[in-house]
Amino acid sequence: MVRTIFAQPDAAYVGRRLEAEATTMKRQFGVVNEMLLDAAGELTAFRYFRAHHWQKIWSTNSFERLNAVVM
């Protein structure tokens, strides 16, 4: 569910998706809801850059990025 936050077409959708996912999780996973909302600024900071840079910014797996370039 959280991955859908990063798969949005533009910055406005990113924020709305985060809110929607947090609301969906609230009933069963209250702690996750709080964590998402508390970290919203950090999780969605990539949206302030141009969209074609997003995947490089939000992907934290450097080996994954390296393999994607090499292969």
PDB file of N, CA and C in Angstrom:
ATOM      1  N   MET A   1       0.815  -1.194   0.000  1.00  0.00           N
ATOM      2  CA  MET A   1       0.000   0.000   0.000  1.00  0.00           C
ATOM      3  C   MET A   1       0.863   1.264   0.000  1.00  0.00           C
ATOM      4  N   VAL A   2       1.931   1.247   0.761  1.00  0.00           N
ATOM      5  CA  VAL A   2       2.762   2.435   0.874  1.00  0.00           C
ATOM      6  C   VAL A   2       3.457   2.754  -0.446  1.00  0.00           C
ATOM      7  N   ARG A   3       3.776   1.738  -1.218  1.00  0.00           N
ATOM      8  CA  ARG A   3       4.423   1.977  -2.515  1.00  0.00           C
ATOM      9  C   ARG A   3       3.579   2.840  -3.442  1.00  0.00           C
ATOM     10  N   THR A   4       2.279   2.793  -3.298  1.00  0.00           N
ATOM     11  CA  THR A   4       1.424   3.595  -4.173  1.00  0.00           C
ATOM     12  C   THR A   4       1.637   5.089  -3.957  1.00  0.00           C
ATOM     13  N   ILE A   5       2.145   5.467  -2.797  1.00  0.00           N
ATOM     14  CA  ILE A   5       2.439   6.875  -2.536  1.00  0.00           C
ATOM     15  C   ILE A   5       3.485   7.371  -3.526  1.00  0.00           C
ATOM     16  N   PHE A   6       4.472   6.544  -3.792  1.00  0.00           N
ATOM     17  CA  PHE A   6       5.569   6.934  -4.669  1.00  0.00           C
ATOM     18  C   PHE A   6       5.235   6.803  -6.150  1.00  0.00           C
ATOM     19  N   ALA A   7       4.188   6.106  -6.489  1.00  0.00           N
ATOM     20  CA  ALA A   7       3.849   5.833  -7.887  1.00  0.00           C
ATOM     21  C   ALA A   7       2.836   6.824  -8.457  1.00  0.00           C
ATOM     22  N   GLN A   8       2.793   8.025  -7.938  1.00  0.00           N
ATOM     23  CA  GLN A   8       1.815   9.018  -8.387  1.00  0.00           C
ATOM     24  C   GLN A   8       2.391   9.875  -9.513  1.00  0.00           C
ATOM     25  N   PRO A   9       1.537  10.408 -10.364  1.00  0.00           N
ATOM     26  CA  PRO A   9       2.011  11.154 -11.540  1.00  0.00           C
ATOM     27  C   PRO A   9       2.532  12.556 -11.240  1.00  0.00           C
ATOM     28  N   ASP A  10       2.079  13.184 -10.153  1.00  0.00           N
ATOM     29  CA  ASP A  10       2.580  14.527  -9.840  1.00  0.00           C
ATOM     30  C   ASP A  10       2.527  14.786  -8.337  1.00  0.00           C
ATOM     31  N   ALA A  11       3.091  15.912  -7.928  1.00  0.00           N
ATOM     32  CA  ALA A  11       3.260  16.228  -6.511  1.00  0.00           C
ATOM     33  C   ALA A  11       1.944  16.309  -5.744  1.00  0.00           C
ATOM     34  N   ALA A  12       0.913  16.841  -6.346  1.00  0.00           N
ATOM     35  CA  ALA A  12      -0.375  16.964  -5.660  1.00  0.00           C
ATOM     36  C   ALA A  12      -0.947  15.593  -5.307  1.00  0.00           C
ATOM     37  N   TYR A  13      -0.816  14.652  -6.207  1.00  0.00           N
ATOM     38  CA  TYR A  13      -1.331  13.306  -5.964  1.00  0.00           C
ATOM     39  C   TYR A  13      -0.540  12.589  -4.871  1.00  0.00           C
ATOM     40  N   VAL A  14       0.746  12.880  -4.758  1.00  0.00           N
ATOM     41  CA  VAL A  14       1.581  12.226  -3.742  1.00  0.00           C
ATOM     42  C   VAL A  14       1.027  12.517  -2.347  1.00  0.00           C
ATOM     43  N   GLY A  15       0.766  13.775  -2.050  1.00  0.00           N
ATOM     44  CA  GLY A  15       0.229  14.139  -0.741  1.00  0.00           C
ATOM     45  C   GLY A  15      -1.130  13.539  -0.474  1.00  0.00           C
ATOM     46  N   ARG A  16      -1.984  13.567  -1.472  1.00  0.00           N
ATOM     47  CA  ARG A  16      -3.327  12.991  -1.305  1.00  0.00           C
ATOM     48  C   ARG A  16      -3.273  11.487  -1.098  1.00  0.00           C
ATOM     49  N   ARG A  17      -2.363  10.822  -1.802  1.00  0.00           N
ATOM     50  CA  ARG A  17      -2.246   9.371  -1.670  1.00  0.00           C
ATOM     51  C   ARG A  17      -1.745   8.994  -0.283  1.00  0.00           C
ATOM     52  N   LEU A  18      -0.800   9.765   0.240  1.00  0.00           N
ATOM     53  CA  LEU A  18      -0.295   9.492   1.577  1.00  0.00           C
ATOM     54  C   LEU A  18      -1.422   9.615   2.600  1.00  0.00           C
ATOM     55  N   GLU A  19      -2.203  10.660   2.491  1.00  0.00           N
ATOM     56  CA  GLU A  19      -3.342  10.849   3.403  1.00  0.00           C
ATOM     57  C   GLU A  19      -4.336   9.690   3.280  1.00  0.00           C
ATOM     58  N   ALA A  20      -4.613   9.273   2.051  1.00  0.00           N
ATOM     59  CA  ALA A  20      -5.569   8.184   1.826  1.00  0.00           C
ATOM     60  C   ALA A  20      -5.059   6.870   2.413  1.00  0.00           C
ATOM     61  N   GLU A  21      -3.782   6.569   2.214  1.00  0.00           N
ATOM     62  CA  GLU A  21      -3.219   5.329   2.746  1.00  0.00           C
ATOM     63  C   GLU A  21      -3.192   5.354   4.271  1.00  0.00           C
ATOM     64  N   ALA A  22      -2.839   6.488   4.845  1.00  0.00           N
ATOM     65  CA  ALA A  22      -2.819   6.609   6.310  1.00  0.00           C
ATOM     66  C   ALA A  22      -4.215   6.411   6.881  1.00  0.00           C
ATOM     67  N   THR A  23      -5.209   6.989   6.243  1.00  0.00           N
ATOM     68  CA  THR A  23      -6.594   6.838   6.701  1.00  0.00           C
ATOM     69  C   THR A  23      -7.045   5.391   6.600  1.00  0.00           C
ATOM     70  N   THR A  24      -6.678   4.719   5.513  1.00  0.00           N
ATOM     71  CA  THR A  24      -7.046   3.321   5.320  1.00  0.00           C
ATOM     72  C   THR A  24      -6.445   2.446   6.413  1.00  0.00           C
ATOM     73  N   MET A  25      -5.220   2.730   6.801  1.00  0.00           N
ATOM     74  CA  MET A  25      -4.528   1.912   7.798  1.00  0.00           C
ATOM     75  C   MET A  25      -4.924   2.234   9.233  1.00  0.00           C
ATOM     76  N   LYS A  26      -5.569   3.348   9.438  1.00  0.00           N
ATOM     77  CA  LYS A  26      -5.838   3.840  10.790  1.00  0.00           C
ATOM     78  C   LYS A  26      -6.585   2.832  11.662  1.00  0.00           C
ATOM     79  N   ARG A  27      -7.600   2.204  11.125  1.00  0.00           N
ATOM     80  CA  ARG A  27      -8.424   1.307  11.928  1.00  0.00           C
ATOM     81  C   ARG A  27      -7.645   0.084  12.412  1.00  0.00           C
ATOM     82  N   GLN A  28      -6.920  -0.575  11.502  1.00  0.00           N
ATOM     83  CA  GLN A  28      -6.222  -1.808  11.866  1.00  0.00           C
ATOM     84  C   GLN A  28      -4.792  -1.572  12.347  1.00  0.00           C
ATOM     85  N   PHE A  29      -4.154  -0.550  11.809  1.00  0.00           N
ATOM     86  CA  PHE A  29      -2.742  -0.309  12.104  1.00  0.00           C
ATOM     87  C   PHE A  29      -2.545   1.137  12.546  1.00  0.00           C
ATOM     88  N   GLY A  30      -3.073   1.460  13.698  1.00  0.00           N
ATOM     89  CA  GLY A  30      -3.016   2.825  14.203  1.00  0.00           C
ATOM     90  C   GLY A  30      -1.599   3.375  14.318  1.00  0.00           C
ATOM     91  N   VAL A  31      -0.665   2.515  14.705  1.00  0.00           N
ATOM     92  CA  VAL A  31       0.720   2.942  14.854  1.00  0.00           C
ATOM     93  C   VAL A  31       1.310   3.311  13.489  1.00  0.00           C
ATOM     94  N   VAL A  32       0.995   2.527  12.476  1.00  0.00           N
ATOM     95  CA  VAL A  32       1.488   2.808  11.124  1.00  0.00           C
ATOM     96  C   VAL A  32       0.896   4.114  10.617  1.00  0.00           C
ATOM     97  N   ASN A  33      -0.351   4.343  10.888  1.00  0.00           N
ATOM     98  CA  ASN A  33      -1.002   5.592  10.505  1.00  0.00           C
ATOM     99  C   ASN A  33      -0.241   6.778  11.098  1.00  0.00           C
ATOM    100  N   GLU A  34       0.048   6.709  12.394  1.00  0.00           N
ATOM    101  CA  GLU A  34       0.778   7.789  13.055  1.00  0.00           C
ATOM    102  C   GLU A  34       2.175   7.959  12.477  1.00  0.00           C
ATOM    103  N   MET A  35       2.852   6.843  12.200  1.00  0.00           N
ATOM    104  CA  MET A  35       4.201   6.907  11.645  1.00  0.00           C
ATOM    105  C   MET A  35       4.199   7.563  10.266  1.00  0.00           C
ATOM    106  N   LEU A  36       3.241   7.191   9.429  1.00  0.00           N
ATOM    107  CA  LEU A  36       3.150   7.782   8.095  1.00  0.00           C
ATOM    108  C   LEU A  36       2.913   9.284   8.171  1.00  0.00           C
ATOM    109  N   LEU A  37       2.001   9.679   9.023  1.00  0.00           N
ATOM    110  CA  LEU A  37       1.693  11.104   9.135  1.00  0.00           C
ATOM    111  C   LEU A  37       2.850  11.887   9.757  1.00  0.00           C
ATOM    112  N   ASP A  38       3.530  11.290  10.727  1.00  0.00           N
ATOM    113  CA  ASP A  38       4.677  11.959  11.347  1.00  0.00           C
ATOM    114  C   ASP A  38       5.842  12.117  10.362  1.00  0.00           C
ATOM    115  N   ALA A  39       6.016  11.143   9.491  1.00  0.00           N
ATOM    116  CA  ALA A  39       7.138  11.159   8.543  1.00  0.00           C
ATOM    117  C   ALA A  39       6.736  11.680   7.171  1.00  0.00           C
ATOM    118  N   ALA A  40       5.562  12.238   7.055  1.00  0.00           N
ATOM    119  CA  ALA A  40       5.053  12.675   5.742  1.00  0.00           C
ATOM    120  C   ALA A  40       6.015  13.613   5.024  1.00  0.00           C
ATOM    121  N   GLY A  41       6.584  14.555   5.734  1.00  0.00           N
ATOM    122  CA  GLY A  41       7.510  15.500   5.115  1.00  0.00           C
ATOM    123  C   GLY A  41       8.733  14.829   4.528  1.00  0.00           C
ATOM    124  N   GLU A  42       9.301  13.893   5.266  1.00  0.00           N
ATOM    125  CA  GLU A  42      10.481  13.178   4.805  1.00  0.00           C
ATOM    126  C   GLU A  42      10.132  12.197   3.686  1.00  0.00           C
ATOM    127  N   LEU A  43       9.014  11.509   3.829  1.00  0.00           N
ATOM    128  CA  LEU A  43       8.623  10.530   2.819  1.00  0.00           C
ATOM    129  C   LEU A  43       8.296  11.156   1.474  1.00  0.00           C
ATOM    130  N   THR A  44       7.761  12.346   1.508  1.00  0.00           N
ATOM    131  CA  THR A  44       7.312  12.965   0.250  1.00  0.00           C
ATOM    132  C   THR A  44       8.189  14.132  -0.195  1.00  0.00           C
ATOM    133  N   ALA A  45       9.377  14.261   0.382  1.00  0.00           N
ATOM    134  CA  ALA A  45      10.283  15.360   0.003  1.00  0.00           C
ATOM    135  C   ALA A  45      10.674  15.287  -1.471  1.00  0.00           C
ATOM    136  N   PHE A  46      10.689  14.086  -2.034  1.00  0.00           N
ATOM    137  CA  PHE A  46      11.069  13.917  -3.441  1.00  0.00           C
ATOM    138  C   PHE A  46      10.157  14.683  -4.383  1.00  0.00           C
ATOM    139  N   ARG A  47       8.931  14.972  -3.967  1.00  0.00           N
ATOM    140  CA  ARG A  47       7.963  15.603  -4.864  1.00  0.00           C
ATOM    141  C   ARG A  47       8.314  17.041  -5.222  1.00  0.00           C
ATOM    142  N   TYR A  48       9.270  17.640  -4.522  1.00  0.00           N
ATOM    143  CA  TYR A  48       9.669  19.005  -4.819  1.00  0.00           C
ATOM    144  C   TYR A  48      10.715  19.089  -5.936  1.00  0.00           C
ATOM    145  N   PHE A  49      11.136  17.938  -6.428  1.00  0.00           N
ATOM    146  CA  PHE A  49      12.058  17.875  -7.554  1.00  0.00           C
ATOM    147  C   PHE A  49      11.265  17.541  -8.816  1.00  0.00           C
ATOM    148  N   ARG A  50      11.887  17.645  -9.945  1.00  0.00           N
ATOM    149  CA  ARG A  50      11.218  17.281 -11.195  1.00  0.00           C
ATOM    150  C   ARG A  50      10.885  15.790 -11.191  1.00  0.00           C
ATOM    151  N   ALA A  51       9.762  15.461 -11.787  1.00  0.00           N
ATOM    152  CA  ALA A  51       9.245  14.088 -11.735  1.00  0.00           C
ATOM    153  C   ALA A  51      10.215  13.059 -12.294  1.00  0.00           C
ATOM    154  N   HIS A  52      11.002  13.415 -13.302  1.00  0.00           N
ATOM    155  CA  HIS A  52      11.903  12.413 -13.871  1.00  0.00           C
ATOM    156  C   HIS A  52      13.060  12.059 -12.930  1.00  0.00           C
ATOM    157  N   HIS A  53      13.237  12.796 -11.841  1.00  0.00           N
ATOM    158  CA  HIS A  53      14.256  12.476 -10.837  1.00  0.00           C
ATOM    159  C   HIS A  53      13.683  11.672  -9.669  1.00  0.00           C
ATOM    160  N   TRP A  54      12.395  11.554  -9.581  1.00  0.00           N
ATOM    161  CA  TRP A  54      11.752  10.970  -8.409  1.00  0.00           C
ATOM    162  C   TRP A  54      12.268   9.586  -8.049  1.00  0.00           C
ATOM    163  N   GLN A  55      12.297   8.678  -8.999  1.00  0.00           N
ATOM    164  CA  GLN A  55      12.668   7.302  -8.672  1.00  0.00           C
ATOM    165  C   GLN A  55      14.089   7.234  -8.126  1.00  0.00           C
ATOM    166  N   LYS A  56      14.981   8.026  -8.650  1.00  0.00           N
ATOM    167  CA  LYS A  56      16.355   8.025  -8.142  1.00  0.00           C
ATOM    168  C   LYS A  56      16.407   8.556  -6.717  1.00  0.00           C
ATOM    169  N   ILE A  57      15.534   9.461  -6.383  1.00  0.00           N
ATOM    170  CA  ILE A  57      15.530  10.059  -5.046  1.00  0.00           C
ATOM    171  C   ILE A  57      14.886   9.135  -4.030  1.00  0.00           C
ATOM    172  N   TRP A  58      13.699   8.592  -4.327  1.00  0.00           N
ATOM    173  CA  TRP A  58      13.009   7.802  -3.307  1.00  0.00           C
ATOM    174  C   TRP A  58      13.469   6.369  -3.215  1.00  0.00           C
ATOM    175  N   SER A  59      14.203   5.888  -4.196  1.00  0.00           N
ATOM    176  CA  SER A  59      14.743   4.536  -4.098  1.00  0.00           C
ATOM    177  C   SER A  59      15.958   4.561  -3.186  1.00  0.00           C
ATOM    178  N   THR A  60      15.920   3.803  -2.108  1.00  0.00           N
ATOM    179  CA  THR A  60      17.021   3.804  -1.162  1.00  0.00           C
ATOM    180  C   THR A  60      17.971   2.640  -1.370  1.00  0.00           C
ATOM    181  N   ASN A  61      17.683   1.789  -2.308  1.00  0.00           N
ATOM    182  CA  ASN A  61      18.524   0.628  -2.542  1.00  0.00           C
ATOM    183  C   ASN A  61      19.540   0.961  -3.629  1.00  0.00           C
ATOM    184  N   SER A  62      20.753   1.314  -3.225  1.00  0.00           N
ATOM    185  CA  SER A  62      21.761   1.737  -4.199  1.00  0.00           C
ATOM    186  C   SER A  62      22.181   0.596  -5.121  1.00  0.00           C
ATOM    187  N   PHE A  63      22.186  -0.642  -4.629  1.00  0.00           N
ATOM    188  CA  PHE A  63      22.525  -1.767  -5.504  1.00  0.00           C
ATOM    189  C   PHE A  63      21.470  -1.951  -6.581  1.00  0.00           C
ATOM    190  N   GLU A  64      20.223  -1.752  -6.236  1.00  0.00           N
ATOM    191  CA  GLU A  64      19.140  -1.851  -7.204  1.00  0.00           C
ATOM    192  C   GLU A  64      19.330  -0.825  -8.316  1.00  0.00           C
ATOM    193  N   ARG A  65      19.663   0.400  -7.938  1.00  0.00           N
ATOM    194  CA  ARG A  65      19.895   1.444  -8.933  1.00  0.00           C
ATOM    195  C   ARG A  65      21.100   1.119  -9.798  1.00  0.00           C
ATOM    196  N   LEU A  66      22.175   0.631  -9.175  1.00  0.00           N
ATOM    197  CA  LEU A  66      23.370   0.288  -9.918  1.00  0.00           C
ATOM    198  C   LEU A  66      23.078  -0.825 -10.915  1.00  0.00           C
ATOM    199  N   ASN A  67      22.372  -1.859 -10.491  1.00  0.00           N
ATOM    200  CA  ASN A  67      22.026  -2.956 -11.389  1.00  0.00           C
ATOM    201  C   ASN A  67      21.140  -2.508 -12.521  1.00  0.00           C
ATOM    202  N   ALA A  68      20.253  -1.585 -12.268  1.00  0.00           N
ATOM    203  CA  ALA A  68      19.369  -1.088 -13.318  1.00  0.00           C
ATOM    204  C   ALA A  68      20.156  -0.348 -14.388  1.00  0.00           C
ATOM    205  N   VAL A  69      21.194   0.354 -14.000  1.00  0.00           N
ATOM    206  CA  VAL A  69      22.015   1.089 -14.964  1.00  0.00           C
ATOM    207  C   VAL A  69      22.921   0.141 -15.724  1.00  0.00           C
ATOM    208  N   VAL A  70      23.531  -0.813 -15.040  1.00  0.00           N
ATOM    209  CA  VAL A  70      24.487  -1.734 -15.652  1.00  0.00           C
ATOM    210  C   VAL A  70      23.782  -2.736 -16.547  1.00  0.00           C
ATOM    211  N   MET A  71      22.653  -3.245 -16.126  1.00  0.00           N
ATOM    212  CA  MET A  71      21.976  -4.288 -16.898  1.00  0.00           C
ATOM    213  C   MET A  71      21.109  -3.662 -17.872  1.00  0.00           C
TER     214      MET A  71
END
